[in-house]
Amino acid sequence: PAGLLRPWDPPGKKTGVRCHVLLQGIFPTQGENPGLLHCRQILYRLSHQGSTLSVSSFSLPPQLPPHLHLAFKISWRAEEILYRLDVDWPKYSEYFTGATFCVAVDSLNGLVYVAQRGDNIPKVLVFTEDGYFLRSWNYTVDTPHGIFAASTPQEKSVWITDVGSGFYGHTIKKYNSFGDLVQVLGTPGKKGTGLNPLQFDNPAELHVDDTGDIYIVDGDGGLNNRLIKLSQDFMILWLRGENGTGPAKFNIPHSVTVDSTGRVWVADRGNKRLQVFDKDTGDWLGEWKNCFSEEGPSAVRFTPDGKYVVVAQLNLSRLLILVAPPVGNIGDCSVVSTIQLADQVSPHLLDVSRETGAVYVAEIGAKQVQKYIPVNSEVLERWDLD
């Protein structure tokens, strides 16, 4: 393909592509040659660090067949590496039979819930954090968009936002871990803007705090562009938002989370920004825009230590790791690391384990969920591959 390096290209030519594409161009599958497998593994690791490659030398040793040896050097800008792909999760990927829209982690019980779309397939899959499939369920799930696992010693529940047009569409539903329907918020099968009774139109995602309070972003391209806080008995505590570009206005509020300092973060996807609110009063605290000039965020989560913000960008097929702000003024966002996925993987929503810090990414393009494991901070400056 255009842009890939060829043996006759001059040293130092920029590929303009990520190294997972470079790998496909240089190392097509050729049996089980151990040398090629070794090179694939090295470049595969590099392809998930978000670094653009250039080749400083490229040669084919004349004494050996081309399929046995390739000698070259690769250099790229240094970047902090915070995560690596867990290639063993899940143990068996054939359980993904539809478009995987969302994922939620029950860290207390070591469970991972995946919701997928499609006809005549199980809509919710349950795995262990080690990657073993446990069960699936489908009852009353129409078209899932977002999912959240609320887990405390007193209660374990799974919440799903449903954007379908059927009888259970335009609702937010609470289930137990085996798929039994416990609670329905909204007016089933009827979209709207009303507050009494409460109505949704394409509710995108929710966050349930340890206190039982619920934060909802409504909606994903529908009538509503708002952030709603409900009490644990489902009374409206405050509401912010309408369609617009100013403070506390939204254009497709797509994801929501709450940090350890009491701030609510909303991925305002259409406006290419993260907006921040006080969780008690709903007051607007600021926004982050400077990291999202190319595309807005589709998902937002914090690492369990509170040091980083993990953001997905759907069309760029990219994850950004941002430095979390201290208490007080949120300032500007700063990217510390990126994970560049293959084209059209399309990371839609994600979740982070409170126990392990692992990041689970629901990819609607690739129709799978992938797991990224935190690694010790390290900076790579150069690899020499002989």
Protein backbone atom coordinates (compact mmCIF):
# COMPACT_ATOMS: atom_id res chain seq x y z
CA PRO A 1 0.00 0.00 0.00
CA ALA A 2 1.04 3.60 -0.52
CA GLY A 3 3.10 4.98 2.34
CA LEU A 4 4.85 1.76 3.32
CA LEU A 5 8.59 1.42 3.07
CA ARG A 6 10.24 -0.44 0.24
CA PRO A 7 13.77 -1.87 0.15
CA TRP A 8 14.96 0.84 -2.25
CA ASP A 9 13.62 3.77 -0.19
CA PRO A 10 16.32 6.10 1.25
CA PRO A 11 17.34 5.82 4.92
CA GLY A 12 15.25 7.89 7.31
CA LYS A 13 12.12 8.01 5.18
CA LYS A 14 9.01 8.63 7.29
CA THR A 15 6.31 6.04 6.81
CA GLY A 16 3.46 8.29 7.89
CA VAL A 17 1.76 5.21 9.29
CA ARG A 18 1.78 3.43 12.62
CA CYS A 19 4.01 0.46 13.04
CA HIS A 20 1.22 -2.10 13.10
CA VAL A 21 0.67 -1.13 9.44
CA LEU A 22 4.41 -1.17 8.80
CA LEU A 23 4.47 -4.66 10.25
CA GLN A 24 1.78 -5.84 7.86
CA GLY A 25 3.68 -4.39 4.92
CA ILE A 26 7.08 -5.85 5.76
CA PHE A 27 6.12 -9.12 7.45
CA PRO A 28 3.20 -10.81 5.74
CA THR A 29 2.33 -14.12 7.33
CA GLN A 30 4.86 -16.72 6.16
CA GLY A 31 4.31 -19.89 8.13
CA GLU A 32 5.88 -20.39 11.52
CA ASN A 33 9.36 -19.02 10.88
CA PRO A 34 10.63 -18.19 14.40
CA GLY A 35 12.64 -15.19 13.26
CA LEU A 36 9.64 -13.56 11.68
CA LEU A 37 7.49 -14.33 14.72
CA HIS A 38 10.07 -12.64 16.92
CA CYS A 39 10.02 -9.53 14.77
CA ARG A 40 6.25 -9.53 14.71
CA GLN A 41 6.07 -9.70 18.48
CA ILE A 42 8.49 -6.80 18.91
CA LEU A 43 6.79 -4.58 16.37
CA TYR A 44 3.36 -5.57 17.69
CA ARG A 45 4.36 -4.27 21.08
CA LEU A 46 5.63 -1.05 19.57
CA SER A 47 2.43 -0.60 17.59
CA HIS A 48 0.49 -0.05 20.82
CA GLN A 49 2.72 2.75 22.12
CA GLY A 50 1.48 5.47 19.77
CA SER A 51 4.86 6.24 18.20
CA THR A 52 5.41 7.10 14.56
CA LEU A 53 8.20 5.06 13.03
CA SER A 54 10.98 5.85 10.61
CA VAL A 55 13.58 3.48 9.22
CA SER A 56 17.24 4.42 9.45
CA SER A 57 18.48 1.43 7.47
CA PHE A 58 16.89 -1.44 5.62
CA SER A 59 18.76 -4.28 4.00
CA LEU A 60 18.38 -7.86 2.89
CA PRO A 61 21.49 -9.93 3.63
CA PRO A 62 22.52 -11.41 0.25
CA GLN A 63 23.68 -14.71 1.70
CA LEU A 64 20.23 -15.66 3.08
CA PRO A 65 16.75 -15.92 1.55
CA PRO A 66 14.62 -12.82 2.18
CA HIS A 67 12.04 -14.75 4.20
CA LEU A 68 14.64 -15.75 6.79
CA HIS A 69 16.34 -12.50 7.75
CA LEU A 70 15.58 -8.82 7.66
CA ALA A 71 17.99 -6.31 9.15
CA PHE A 72 16.90 -2.77 9.92
CA LYS A 73 16.88 -0.11 12.61
CA ILE A 74 13.85 1.73 13.84
CA SER A 75 13.74 5.03 15.68
CA TRP A 76 10.89 7.17 16.94
CA ARG A 77 10.15 9.89 19.42
CA ALA A 78 10.35 8.83 23.05
CA GLU A 79 7.06 8.41 24.87
CA GLU A 80 6.06 7.15 28.27
CA ILE A 81 4.59 3.66 28.14
CA LEU A 82 1.80 3.06 30.64
CA TYR A 83 -0.12 0.06 29.24
CA ARG A 84 0.41 -3.09 27.26
CA LEU A 85 -2.13 -5.27 25.52
CA ASP A 86 -3.16 -8.47 27.29
CA VAL A 87 -3.23 -10.81 24.29
CA ASP A 88 -4.70 -13.61 26.42
CA TRP A 89 -7.94 -11.75 27.22
CA PRO A 90 -10.46 -13.16 26.74
CA LYS A 91 -9.45 -16.79 26.61
CA TYR A 92 -11.86 -17.40 23.72
CA SER A 93 -12.98 -14.50 21.53
CA GLU A 94 -15.68 -16.42 19.64
CA TYR A 95 -18.23 -15.29 22.22
CA PHE A 96 -18.16 -11.85 20.58
CA THR A 97 -20.86 -12.32 17.95
CA GLY A 98 -22.10 -8.74 17.48
CA ALA A 99 -20.96 -5.15 17.63
CA THR A 100 -19.48 -4.65 21.11
CA PHE A 101 -20.68 -1.22 22.22
CA CYS A 102 -19.78 -1.08 25.90
CA VAL A 103 -17.99 -2.78 28.78
CA ALA A 104 -18.19 -2.53 32.59
CA VAL A 105 -15.98 -3.92 35.34
CA ASP A 106 -17.24 -5.19 38.68
CA SER A 107 -13.90 -4.93 40.46
CA LEU A 108 -15.18 -6.19 43.80
CA ASN A 109 -16.22 -9.52 42.31
CA GLY A 110 -13.72 -9.72 39.46
CA LEU A 111 -16.34 -9.67 36.69
CA VAL A 112 -16.45 -7.98 33.28
CA TYR A 113 -19.76 -7.30 31.52
CA VAL A 114 -19.87 -6.74 27.76
CA ALA A 115 -22.98 -5.57 25.88
CA GLN A 116 -23.25 -6.19 22.16
CA ARG A 117 -25.77 -5.53 19.40
CA GLY A 118 -27.09 -7.88 16.78
CA ASP A 119 -29.98 -10.15 15.85
CA ASN A 120 -30.49 -13.48 17.56
CA ILE A 121 -27.42 -13.17 19.76
CA PRO A 122 -26.91 -12.84 23.52
CA LYS A 123 -26.81 -9.12 24.31
CA VAL A 124 -24.83 -9.32 27.58
CA LEU A 125 -21.72 -11.46 28.09
CA VAL A 126 -20.12 -12.04 31.49
CA PHE A 127 -16.41 -12.82 31.82
CA THR A 128 -13.97 -13.02 34.69
CA GLU A 129 -11.18 -10.46 34.81
CA ASP A 130 -8.88 -13.37 33.91
CA GLY A 131 -10.77 -13.81 30.65
CA TYR A 132 -12.93 -16.87 31.29
CA PHE A 133 -16.49 -16.80 29.94
CA LEU A 134 -19.15 -17.39 32.60
CA ARG A 135 -22.61 -16.79 31.15
CA SER A 136 -24.76 -14.60 28.94
CA TRP A 137 -28.26 -13.12 29.09
CA ASN A 138 -30.65 -11.32 26.81
CA TYR A 139 -33.85 -10.61 28.71
CA THR A 140 -35.42 -7.17 28.02
CA VAL A 141 -32.26 -5.82 26.33
CA ASP A 142 -33.03 -4.18 23.00
CA THR A 143 -30.17 -1.98 21.74
CA PRO A 144 -27.54 -1.44 24.44
CA HIS A 145 -25.38 1.67 24.32
CA GLY A 146 -23.74 2.11 27.75
CA ILE A 147 -23.25 -0.20 30.72
CA PHE A 148 -22.17 0.30 34.33
CA ALA A 149 -21.46 -2.25 37.08
CA ALA A 150 -22.30 -0.96 40.57
CA SER A 151 -20.69 -3.11 43.23
CA THR A 152 -20.63 -2.59 46.97
CA PRO A 153 -20.68 -5.09 49.84
CA GLN A 154 -24.41 -4.32 50.14
CA GLU A 155 -25.41 -4.49 46.47
CA LYS A 156 -24.25 -5.80 43.12
CA SER A 157 -26.08 -4.56 40.03
CA VAL A 158 -25.64 -3.89 36.33
CA TRP A 159 -27.14 -0.83 34.62
CA ILE A 160 -27.70 -0.60 30.85
CA THR A 161 -28.74 2.39 28.74
CA ASP A 162 -30.99 1.20 25.91
CA VAL A 163 -31.42 3.30 22.77
CA GLY A 164 -33.65 0.86 20.88
CA SER A 165 -36.98 1.67 19.30
CA GLY A 166 -38.77 -1.38 20.75
CA PHE A 167 -40.77 -1.80 23.92
CA TYR A 168 -37.72 -1.44 26.18
CA GLY A 169 -36.06 1.35 24.22
CA HIS A 170 -35.12 4.83 25.51
CA THR A 171 -34.71 3.56 29.05
CA ILE A 172 -32.08 2.88 31.67
CA LYS A 173 -32.45 -0.55 33.24
CA LYS A 174 -31.04 -2.09 36.38
CA TYR A 175 -30.32 -5.83 36.50
CA ASN A 176 -28.82 -8.23 38.96
CA SER A 177 -25.66 -10.05 37.87
CA PHE A 178 -27.70 -12.92 36.36
CA GLY A 179 -29.80 -10.67 34.13
CA ASP A 180 -33.00 -10.38 36.14
CA LEU A 181 -34.65 -7.00 35.57
CA VAL A 182 -34.86 -5.00 38.81
CA GLN A 183 -35.69 -1.39 37.83
CA VAL A 184 -36.59 0.65 34.74
CA LEU A 185 -35.94 4.39 34.51
CA GLY A 186 -37.66 6.39 31.79
CA THR A 187 -40.77 5.68 29.77
CA PRO A 188 -40.31 2.31 28.03
CA GLY A 189 -40.55 2.53 24.25
CA LYS A 190 -41.27 6.26 24.22
CA LYS A 191 -38.60 8.91 23.77
CA GLY A 192 -39.10 12.40 25.12
CA THR A 193 -37.84 15.36 27.09
CA GLY A 194 -40.15 15.16 30.09
CA LEU A 195 -39.03 15.10 33.72
CA ASN A 196 -42.30 14.00 35.35
CA PRO A 197 -42.52 11.26 34.33
CA LEU A 198 -38.87 11.04 33.41
CA GLN A 199 -38.16 10.46 29.72
CA PHE A 200 -34.96 9.87 27.77
CA ASP A 201 -33.99 9.98 24.12
CA ASN A 202 -30.98 7.79 23.35
CA PRO A 203 -29.45 7.85 26.86
CA ALA A 204 -25.75 7.34 26.29
CA GLU A 205 -24.18 6.29 29.61
CA LEU A 206 -24.45 6.56 33.38
CA HIS A 207 -22.31 6.46 36.51
CA VAL A 208 -23.58 5.17 39.86
CA ASP A 209 -21.69 6.57 42.82
CA ASP A 210 -20.91 4.51 45.91
CA THR A 211 -23.59 6.56 47.70
CA GLY A 212 -26.19 5.33 45.20
CA ASP A 213 -26.52 8.67 43.40
CA ILE A 214 -26.82 8.33 39.61
CA TYR A 215 -25.32 10.57 36.91
CA ILE A 216 -26.83 10.21 33.42
CA VAL A 217 -25.81 11.69 30.07
CA ASP A 218 -28.83 11.89 27.76
CA GLY A 219 -28.54 11.62 24.80
CA ASP A 220 -26.60 10.22 21.94
CA GLY A 221 -27.84 12.37 19.10
CA GLY A 222 -31.47 12.54 20.24
CA LEU A 223 -33.75 15.29 21.49
CA ASN A 224 -31.82 15.82 24.71
CA ASN A 225 -28.34 17.13 25.46
CA ARG A 226 -28.23 17.04 29.23
CA LEU A 227 -26.59 15.75 32.38
CA ILE A 228 -28.96 14.57 35.12
CA LYS A 229 -28.22 13.66 38.72
CA LEU A 230 -30.69 11.36 40.48
CA SER A 231 -30.78 10.34 44.12
CA GLN A 232 -30.71 6.68 45.08
CA ASP A 233 -34.52 6.76 45.22
CA PHE A 234 -34.58 8.24 41.66
CA MET A 235 -35.49 11.83 42.50
CA ILE A 236 -33.93 14.54 40.31
CA LEU A 237 -31.31 16.44 42.33
CA TRP A 238 -30.08 18.68 39.53
CA LEU A 239 -30.01 18.93 35.75
CA ARG A 240 -27.58 20.74 33.47
CA GLY A 241 -27.48 21.21 29.75
CA GLU A 242 -29.19 21.91 26.49
CA ASN A 243 -27.96 21.84 22.92
CA GLY A 244 -25.20 24.39 22.43
CA THR A 245 -21.49 25.16 22.58
CA GLY A 246 -21.23 27.32 25.70
CA PRO A 247 -20.47 26.28 29.28
CA ALA A 248 -22.79 23.54 30.58
CA LYS A 249 -24.26 23.02 27.10
CA PHE A 250 -23.73 19.85 25.09
CA ASN A 251 -23.58 18.36 21.63
CA ILE A 252 -23.82 14.58 22.13
CA PRO A 253 -22.85 14.06 25.80
CA HIS A 254 -21.53 10.53 25.36
CA SER A 255 -19.81 9.38 28.56
CA VAL A 256 -19.74 10.34 32.23
CA THR A 257 -17.63 9.53 35.29
CA VAL A 258 -16.91 10.97 38.75
CA ASP A 259 -13.40 11.46 40.14
CA SER A 260 -12.23 11.00 43.73
CA THR A 261 -12.39 14.74 44.45
CA GLY A 262 -16.11 15.08 43.68
CA ARG A 263 -16.01 16.31 40.10
CA VAL A 264 -18.28 14.99 37.34
CA TRP A 265 -16.57 14.60 33.94
CA VAL A 266 -18.61 14.49 30.73
CA ALA A 267 -17.30 13.55 27.28
CA ASP A 268 -18.99 16.26 25.20
CA ARG A 269 -18.20 14.48 21.97
CA GLY A 270 -19.75 16.82 19.39
CA ASN A 271 -18.15 19.89 20.98
CA LYS A 272 -14.72 18.17 21.13
CA ARG A 273 -14.19 18.69 24.85
CA LEU A 274 -14.48 17.32 28.36
CA GLN A 275 -16.71 19.37 30.66
CA VAL A 276 -16.42 19.27 34.44
CA PHE A 277 -19.08 19.87 37.12
CA ASP A 278 -19.31 19.85 40.91
CA LYS A 279 -21.08 16.64 41.85
CA ASP A 280 -22.96 18.19 44.80
CA THR A 281 -24.17 21.45 43.29
CA GLY A 282 -23.90 20.82 39.55
CA ASP A 283 -21.87 24.02 39.14
CA TRP A 284 -19.76 24.19 35.98
CA LEU A 285 -16.03 23.99 36.84
CA GLY A 286 -14.38 24.21 33.45
CA GLU A 287 -13.53 22.33 30.28
CA TRP A 288 -10.64 20.65 28.47
CA LYS A 289 -10.47 21.34 24.71
CA ASN A 290 -6.82 21.62 23.75
CA CYS A 291 -6.30 17.83 23.53
CA PHE A 292 -9.22 17.26 21.17
CA SER A 293 -8.60 19.40 18.10
CA GLU A 294 -8.86 16.36 15.79
CA GLU A 295 -11.82 14.59 17.39
CA GLY A 296 -13.88 14.79 20.55
CA PRO A 297 -13.80 12.18 23.31
CA SER A 298 -16.25 9.28 23.18
CA ALA A 299 -15.38 7.80 26.60
CA VAL A 300 -13.81 9.02 29.85
CA ARG A 301 -12.56 7.18 32.95
CA PHE A 302 -9.99 7.69 35.73
CA THR A 303 -7.29 5.29 36.83
CA PRO A 304 -7.80 3.98 40.39
CA ASP A 305 -4.87 6.00 41.73
CA GLY A 306 -6.41 9.18 40.33
CA LYS A 307 -3.26 10.09 38.40
CA TYR A 308 -4.57 9.71 34.87
CA VAL A 309 -7.65 10.22 32.72
CA VAL A 310 -8.22 7.60 30.02
CA VAL A 311 -10.12 8.82 26.96
CA ALA A 312 -11.23 7.07 23.76
CA GLN A 313 -11.51 8.73 20.35
CA LEU A 314 -13.85 6.71 18.17
CA ASN A 315 -13.01 7.68 14.59
CA LEU A 316 -9.28 8.11 15.20
CA SER A 317 -9.19 4.62 16.79
CA ARG A 318 -7.04 6.02 19.58
CA LEU A 319 -6.80 6.08 23.35
CA LEU A 320 -5.33 9.09 25.14
CA ILE A 321 -3.82 8.98 28.62
CA LEU A 322 -4.08 12.44 30.19
CA VAL A 323 -2.62 13.81 33.41
CA ALA A 324 -5.41 14.19 35.96
CA PRO A 325 -5.69 17.67 37.49
CA PRO A 326 -5.20 18.35 41.20
CA VAL A 327 -7.95 19.62 43.45
CA GLY A 328 -9.04 23.10 42.42
CA ASN A 329 -8.57 24.64 38.99
CA ILE A 330 -8.57 21.93 36.32
CA GLY A 331 -6.21 23.90 34.04
CA ASP A 332 -5.49 22.50 30.57
CA CYS A 333 -5.24 18.86 29.58
CA SER A 334 -1.88 17.26 28.91
CA VAL A 335 -1.33 14.00 27.01
CA VAL A 336 1.25 11.73 28.63
CA SER A 337 0.74 8.67 26.43
CA THR A 338 -1.30 7.38 23.51
CA ILE A 339 -2.39 3.94 22.35
CA GLN A 340 -2.94 3.94 18.60
CA LEU A 341 -5.20 1.14 17.49
CA ALA A 342 -5.58 -0.19 13.95
CA ASP A 343 -7.75 1.75 11.52
CA GLN A 344 -11.50 1.30 11.92
CA VAL A 345 -11.19 -0.51 15.26
CA SER A 346 -13.41 2.30 16.63
CA PRO A 347 -13.14 2.28 20.45
CA HIS A 348 -16.60 3.33 21.61
CA LEU A 349 -16.71 3.12 25.42
CA LEU A 350 -14.30 1.78 28.04
CA ASP A 351 -13.98 0.99 31.72
CA VAL A 352 -11.13 0.68 34.22
CA SER A 353 -10.78 -1.91 36.98
CA ARG A 354 -10.58 -0.32 40.42
CA GLU A 355 -8.45 -3.20 41.66
CA THR A 356 -5.93 -3.82 38.88
CA GLY A 357 -6.12 -0.59 36.88
CA ALA A 358 -6.64 -2.62 33.69
CA VAL A 359 -8.42 -0.77 30.88
CA TYR A 360 -11.13 -2.65 28.97
CA VAL A 361 -12.05 -1.16 25.59
CA ALA A 362 -15.25 -1.95 23.65
CA GLU A 363 -14.44 -1.73 19.95
CA ILE A 364 -17.47 -1.54 17.66
CA GLY A 365 -15.41 -1.71 14.47
CA ALA A 366 -13.36 -4.73 15.50
CA LYS A 367 -16.35 -6.31 17.29
CA GLN A 368 -14.36 -7.22 20.36
CA VAL A 369 -13.26 -6.03 23.78
CA GLN A 370 -9.55 -5.71 24.48
CA LYS A 371 -7.77 -5.43 27.81
CA TYR A 372 -4.74 -3.21 28.49
CA ILE A 373 -2.62 -3.83 31.57
CA PRO A 374 -0.66 -1.12 33.43
CA VAL A 375 3.11 -1.50 33.20
CA ASN A 376 5.94 0.15 35.07
CA SER A 377 6.69 3.54 33.58
CA GLU A 378 9.46 3.36 31.04
CA VAL A 379 10.72 5.47 28.19
CA LEU A 380 11.89 3.80 24.98
CA GLU A 381 14.37 5.71 22.87
CA ARG A 382 15.55 3.23 20.27
CA TRP A 383 15.36 -0.42 19.29
CA ASP A 384 18.01 -2.13 17.17
CA LEU A 385 16.71 -5.25 15.45
CA ASP A 386 19.28 -7.47 13.74
